[in-house]
Amino acid sequence: MDETHESGHRHEAPQTASSRGKWVFAAFAAIAAFFLFTEHRAHLFGALPYLLLLACPLLHLFHHGGHGGHGGHGGAARDKTEGEGK
């Protein structure tokens, strides 16, 4: 927050309280993430094979939607141009 005094000089309020709060929160979040990972590691690694199996159909669904699905690789357009020359 800026304050203007009678002399016209501006003095900025120190930002140490909010900066210190951000560092404390970051440290707390890092500690919480560490303990959350170490305590639940067995559950996460136990579900990993199922997550990989679930990723296969999802990747197939989303990646094949980008180029028109199966069979849409330009075969029909090529057949039309070959038929015109005859």
N, C-alpha and C. Protein backbone atom coordinates (compact mmCIF):
# COMPACT_ATOMS: atom_id res chain seq x y z
N MET A 1 0.84 -1.16 0.00
CA MET A 1 0.00 0.00 0.00
C MET A 1 0.89 1.22 0.00
N ASP A 2 0.56 2.19 -0.81
CA ASP A 2 1.35 3.41 -0.90
C ASP A 2 0.72 4.47 0.00
N GLU A 3 1.58 5.21 0.68
CA GLU A 3 1.11 6.31 1.51
C GLU A 3 1.83 7.58 1.09
N THR A 4 1.10 8.67 0.99
CA THR A 4 1.70 9.95 0.64
C THR A 4 1.66 10.84 1.87
N HIS A 5 2.81 11.41 2.24
CA HIS A 5 2.89 12.31 3.39
C HIS A 5 2.86 13.75 2.90
N GLU A 6 2.90 14.67 3.86
CA GLU A 6 2.84 16.09 3.52
C GLU A 6 3.97 16.53 2.61
N SER A 7 5.11 15.91 2.70
CA SER A 7 6.26 16.31 1.89
C SER A 7 6.14 15.83 0.45
N GLY A 8 5.17 14.99 0.15
CA GLY A 8 4.97 14.51 -1.21
C GLY A 8 5.75 13.25 -1.52
N HIS A 9 6.52 12.73 -0.57
CA HIS A 9 7.27 11.51 -0.79
C HIS A 9 6.35 10.31 -0.56
N ARG A 10 6.51 9.31 -1.39
CA ARG A 10 5.70 8.10 -1.27
C ARG A 10 6.52 7.05 -0.54
N HIS A 11 5.90 6.41 0.44
CA HIS A 11 6.53 5.33 1.17
C HIS A 11 5.71 4.07 0.94
N GLU A 12 6.39 3.03 0.50
CA GLU A 12 5.69 1.77 0.25
C GLU A 12 5.70 0.93 1.52
N ALA A 13 4.57 0.29 1.79
CA ALA A 13 4.46 -0.58 2.96
C ALA A 13 5.27 -1.84 2.70
N PRO A 14 5.91 -2.38 3.72
CA PRO A 14 6.71 -3.59 3.50
C PRO A 14 5.84 -4.78 3.11
N GLN A 15 6.33 -5.58 2.18
CA GLN A 15 5.61 -6.74 1.67
C GLN A 15 6.03 -8.02 2.39
N THR A 16 6.69 -7.92 3.52
CA THR A 16 7.24 -9.11 4.17
C THR A 16 6.17 -10.03 4.72
N ALA A 17 5.06 -9.48 5.20
CA ALA A 17 4.02 -10.33 5.80
C ALA A 17 3.39 -11.25 4.75
N SER A 18 3.03 -10.71 3.60
CA SER A 18 2.40 -11.54 2.57
C SER A 18 3.43 -12.47 1.93
N SER A 19 4.65 -11.99 1.77
CA SER A 19 5.69 -12.84 1.20
C SER A 19 6.03 -13.99 2.14
N ARG A 20 6.10 -13.70 3.42
CA ARG A 20 6.39 -14.74 4.41
C ARG A 20 5.25 -15.75 4.45
N GLY A 21 4.02 -15.28 4.33
CA GLY A 21 2.87 -16.18 4.32
C GLY A 21 2.89 -17.12 3.13
N LYS A 22 3.32 -16.62 1.98
CA LYS A 22 3.41 -17.46 0.79
C LYS A 22 4.46 -18.55 0.97
N TRP A 23 5.60 -18.19 1.58
CA TRP A 23 6.66 -19.18 1.81
C TRP A 23 6.22 -20.22 2.82
N VAL A 24 5.50 -19.79 3.86
CA VAL A 24 5.02 -20.75 4.86
C VAL A 24 4.01 -21.70 4.23
N PHE A 25 3.12 -21.18 3.41
CA PHE A 25 2.15 -22.03 2.73
C PHE A 25 2.84 -23.01 1.78
N ALA A 26 3.84 -22.54 1.03
CA ALA A 26 4.56 -23.41 0.11
C ALA A 26 5.28 -24.54 0.86
N ALA A 27 5.88 -24.20 2.01
CA ALA A 27 6.56 -25.22 2.81
C ALA A 27 5.56 -26.23 3.36
N PHE A 28 4.43 -25.75 3.86
CA PHE A 28 3.39 -26.63 4.38
C PHE A 28 2.85 -27.54 3.27
N ALA A 29 2.63 -26.99 2.08
CA ALA A 29 2.12 -27.80 0.96
C ALA A 29 3.14 -28.85 0.54
N ALA A 30 4.43 -28.50 0.55
CA ALA A 30 5.46 -29.47 0.18
C ALA A 30 5.53 -30.61 1.20
N ILE A 31 5.45 -30.27 2.48
CA ILE A 31 5.48 -31.31 3.52
C ILE A 31 4.25 -32.20 3.42
N ALA A 32 3.09 -31.59 3.20
CA ALA A 32 1.85 -32.37 3.07
C ALA A 32 1.91 -33.29 1.85
N ALA A 33 2.45 -32.79 0.74
CA ALA A 33 2.56 -33.62 -0.46
C ALA A 33 3.52 -34.78 -0.24
N PHE A 34 4.61 -34.53 0.49
CA PHE A 34 5.57 -35.60 0.77
C PHE A 34 4.91 -36.71 1.58
N PHE A 35 4.22 -36.34 2.67
CA PHE A 35 3.60 -37.36 3.51
C PHE A 35 2.43 -38.04 2.80
N LEU A 36 1.71 -37.30 2.00
CA LEU A 36 0.61 -37.90 1.24
C LEU A 36 1.15 -38.94 0.26
N PHE A 37 2.25 -38.64 -0.40
CA PHE A 37 2.84 -39.59 -1.34
C PHE A 37 3.40 -40.81 -0.61
N THR A 38 4.15 -40.59 0.48
CA THR A 38 4.78 -41.72 1.15
C THR A 38 3.77 -42.64 1.82
N GLU A 39 2.69 -42.09 2.34
CA GLU A 39 1.70 -42.92 3.03
C GLU A 39 0.79 -43.66 2.07
N HIS A 40 0.57 -43.12 0.90
CA HIS A 40 -0.37 -43.72 -0.05
C HIS A 40 0.32 -44.28 -1.29
N ARG A 41 1.62 -44.47 -1.22
CA ARG A 41 2.37 -44.97 -2.36
C ARG A 41 1.90 -46.37 -2.78
N ALA A 42 1.61 -47.23 -1.80
CA ALA A 42 1.17 -48.59 -2.12
C ALA A 42 -0.16 -48.57 -2.88
N HIS A 43 -1.05 -47.68 -2.49
CA HIS A 43 -2.34 -47.59 -3.18
C HIS A 43 -2.15 -47.07 -4.60
N LEU A 44 -1.28 -46.09 -4.76
CA LEU A 44 -1.06 -45.53 -6.09
C LEU A 44 -0.42 -46.54 -7.03
N PHE A 45 0.62 -47.22 -6.55
CA PHE A 45 1.29 -48.19 -7.41
C PHE A 45 0.43 -49.43 -7.65
N GLY A 46 -0.47 -49.75 -6.73
CA GLY A 46 -1.38 -50.87 -6.92
C GLY A 46 -2.40 -50.60 -8.01
N ALA A 47 -2.78 -49.34 -8.17
CA ALA A 47 -3.77 -48.98 -9.19
C ALA A 47 -3.13 -48.66 -10.53
N LEU A 48 -1.81 -48.58 -10.59
CA LEU A 48 -1.14 -48.18 -11.82
C LEU A 48 -1.42 -49.10 -13.01
N PRO A 49 -1.41 -50.43 -12.86
CA PRO A 49 -1.73 -51.26 -14.04
C PRO A 49 -3.14 -51.02 -14.57
N TYR A 50 -4.09 -50.79 -13.68
CA TYR A 50 -5.46 -50.53 -14.13
C TYR A 50 -5.57 -49.18 -14.82
N LEU A 51 -4.80 -48.20 -14.35
CA LEU A 51 -4.81 -46.90 -14.99
C LEU A 51 -4.20 -46.97 -16.39
N LEU A 52 -3.17 -47.79 -16.56
CA LEU A 52 -2.59 -47.96 -17.89
C LEU A 52 -3.56 -48.66 -18.83
N LEU A 53 -4.28 -49.66 -18.32
CA LEU A 53 -5.28 -50.34 -19.16
C LEU A 53 -6.43 -49.41 -19.51
N LEU A 54 -6.79 -48.52 -18.61
CA LEU A 54 -7.84 -47.56 -18.88
C LEU A 54 -7.37 -46.50 -19.89
N ALA A 55 -6.09 -46.20 -19.88
CA ALA A 55 -5.56 -45.19 -20.79
C ALA A 55 -5.60 -45.66 -22.24
N CYS A 56 -5.49 -46.95 -22.48
CA CYS A 56 -5.46 -47.47 -23.86
C CYS A 56 -6.72 -47.12 -24.65
N PRO A 57 -7.92 -47.46 -24.16
CA PRO A 57 -9.10 -47.10 -24.96
C PRO A 57 -9.33 -45.59 -25.03
N LEU A 58 -8.94 -44.87 -23.98
CA LEU A 58 -9.12 -43.42 -24.02
C LEU A 58 -8.20 -42.78 -25.05
N LEU A 59 -6.96 -43.22 -25.11
CA LEU A 59 -6.04 -42.69 -26.12
C LEU A 59 -6.51 -43.07 -27.52
N HIS A 60 -6.99 -44.28 -27.67
CA HIS A 60 -7.50 -44.71 -28.97
C HIS A 60 -8.68 -43.84 -29.40
N LEU A 61 -9.57 -43.57 -28.48
CA LEU A 61 -10.75 -42.77 -28.77
C LEU A 61 -10.37 -41.34 -29.16
N PHE A 62 -9.49 -40.72 -28.39
CA PHE A 62 -9.18 -39.31 -28.64
C PHE A 62 -8.20 -39.12 -29.79
N HIS A 63 -7.27 -40.02 -29.99
CA HIS A 63 -6.30 -39.83 -31.07
C HIS A 63 -6.88 -40.17 -32.43
N HIS A 64 -7.78 -41.12 -32.52
CA HIS A 64 -8.36 -41.45 -33.81
C HIS A 64 -9.45 -40.47 -34.21
N GLY A 65 -9.95 -39.67 -33.29
CA GLY A 65 -10.95 -38.67 -33.63
C GLY A 65 -10.36 -37.51 -34.42
N GLY A 66 -9.04 -37.33 -34.35
CA GLY A 66 -8.41 -36.20 -35.00
C GLY A 66 -8.24 -36.34 -36.49
N HIS A 67 -8.19 -37.55 -37.04
CA HIS A 67 -7.98 -37.70 -38.47
C HIS A 67 -9.12 -38.45 -39.15
N GLY A 68 -10.30 -38.38 -38.61
CA GLY A 68 -11.45 -38.93 -39.28
C GLY A 68 -11.73 -40.39 -38.99
N GLY A 69 -11.06 -40.97 -38.04
CA GLY A 69 -11.32 -42.35 -37.69
C GLY A 69 -10.66 -43.32 -38.65
N HIS A 70 -11.06 -44.58 -38.57
CA HIS A 70 -10.48 -45.62 -39.42
C HIS A 70 -11.04 -45.51 -40.83
N GLY A 71 -10.23 -45.75 -41.81
CA GLY A 71 -10.67 -45.77 -43.20
C GLY A 71 -10.76 -44.41 -43.85
N GLY A 72 -10.53 -43.35 -43.15
CA GLY A 72 -10.63 -42.02 -43.73
C GLY A 72 -9.29 -41.45 -44.10
N HIS A 73 -8.44 -42.25 -44.74
CA HIS A 73 -7.09 -41.81 -45.06
C HIS A 73 -6.94 -41.36 -46.50
N GLY A 74 -8.01 -40.93 -47.11
CA GLY A 74 -7.91 -40.41 -48.47
C GLY A 74 -8.10 -41.45 -49.56
N GLY A 75 -8.54 -42.63 -49.25
CA GLY A 75 -8.71 -43.68 -50.26
C GLY A 75 -9.84 -43.37 -51.23
N ALA A 76 -10.93 -42.80 -50.78
CA ALA A 76 -12.08 -42.50 -51.64
C ALA A 76 -11.73 -41.40 -52.62
N ALA A 77 -11.02 -40.39 -52.21
CA ALA A 77 -10.65 -39.29 -53.10
C ALA A 77 -9.70 -39.77 -54.18
N ARG A 78 -8.80 -40.67 -53.86
CA ARG A 78 -7.85 -41.20 -54.82
C ARG A 78 -8.58 -42.03 -55.88
N ASP A 79 -9.62 -42.79 -55.46
CA ASP A 79 -10.37 -43.61 -56.42
C ASP A 79 -11.14 -42.73 -57.40
N LYS A 80 -11.66 -41.60 -56.97
CA LYS A 80 -12.42 -40.71 -57.86
C LYS A 80 -11.51 -40.11 -58.93
N THR A 81 -10.32 -39.70 -58.56
CA THR A 81 -9.42 -39.09 -59.55
C THR A 81 -8.92 -40.11 -60.54
N GLU A 82 -8.74 -41.36 -60.14
CA GLU A 82 -8.29 -42.39 -61.06
C GLU A 82 -9.41 -42.74 -62.05
N GLY A 83 -10.66 -42.65 -61.63
CA GLY A 83 -11.78 -42.98 -62.49
C GLY A 83 -12.03 -41.93 -63.56
N GLU A 84 -11.64 -40.69 -63.33
CA GLU A 84 -11.87 -39.64 -64.30
C GLU A 84 -10.96 -39.76 -65.52
N GLY A 85 -9.78 -40.30 -65.35
CA GLY A 85 -8.84 -40.42 -66.45
C GLY A 85 -9.22 -41.50 -67.44
N LYS A 86 -10.09 -42.42 -67.12
CA LYS A 86 -10.43 -43.53 -68.01
C LYS A 86 -11.56 -43.20 -68.93
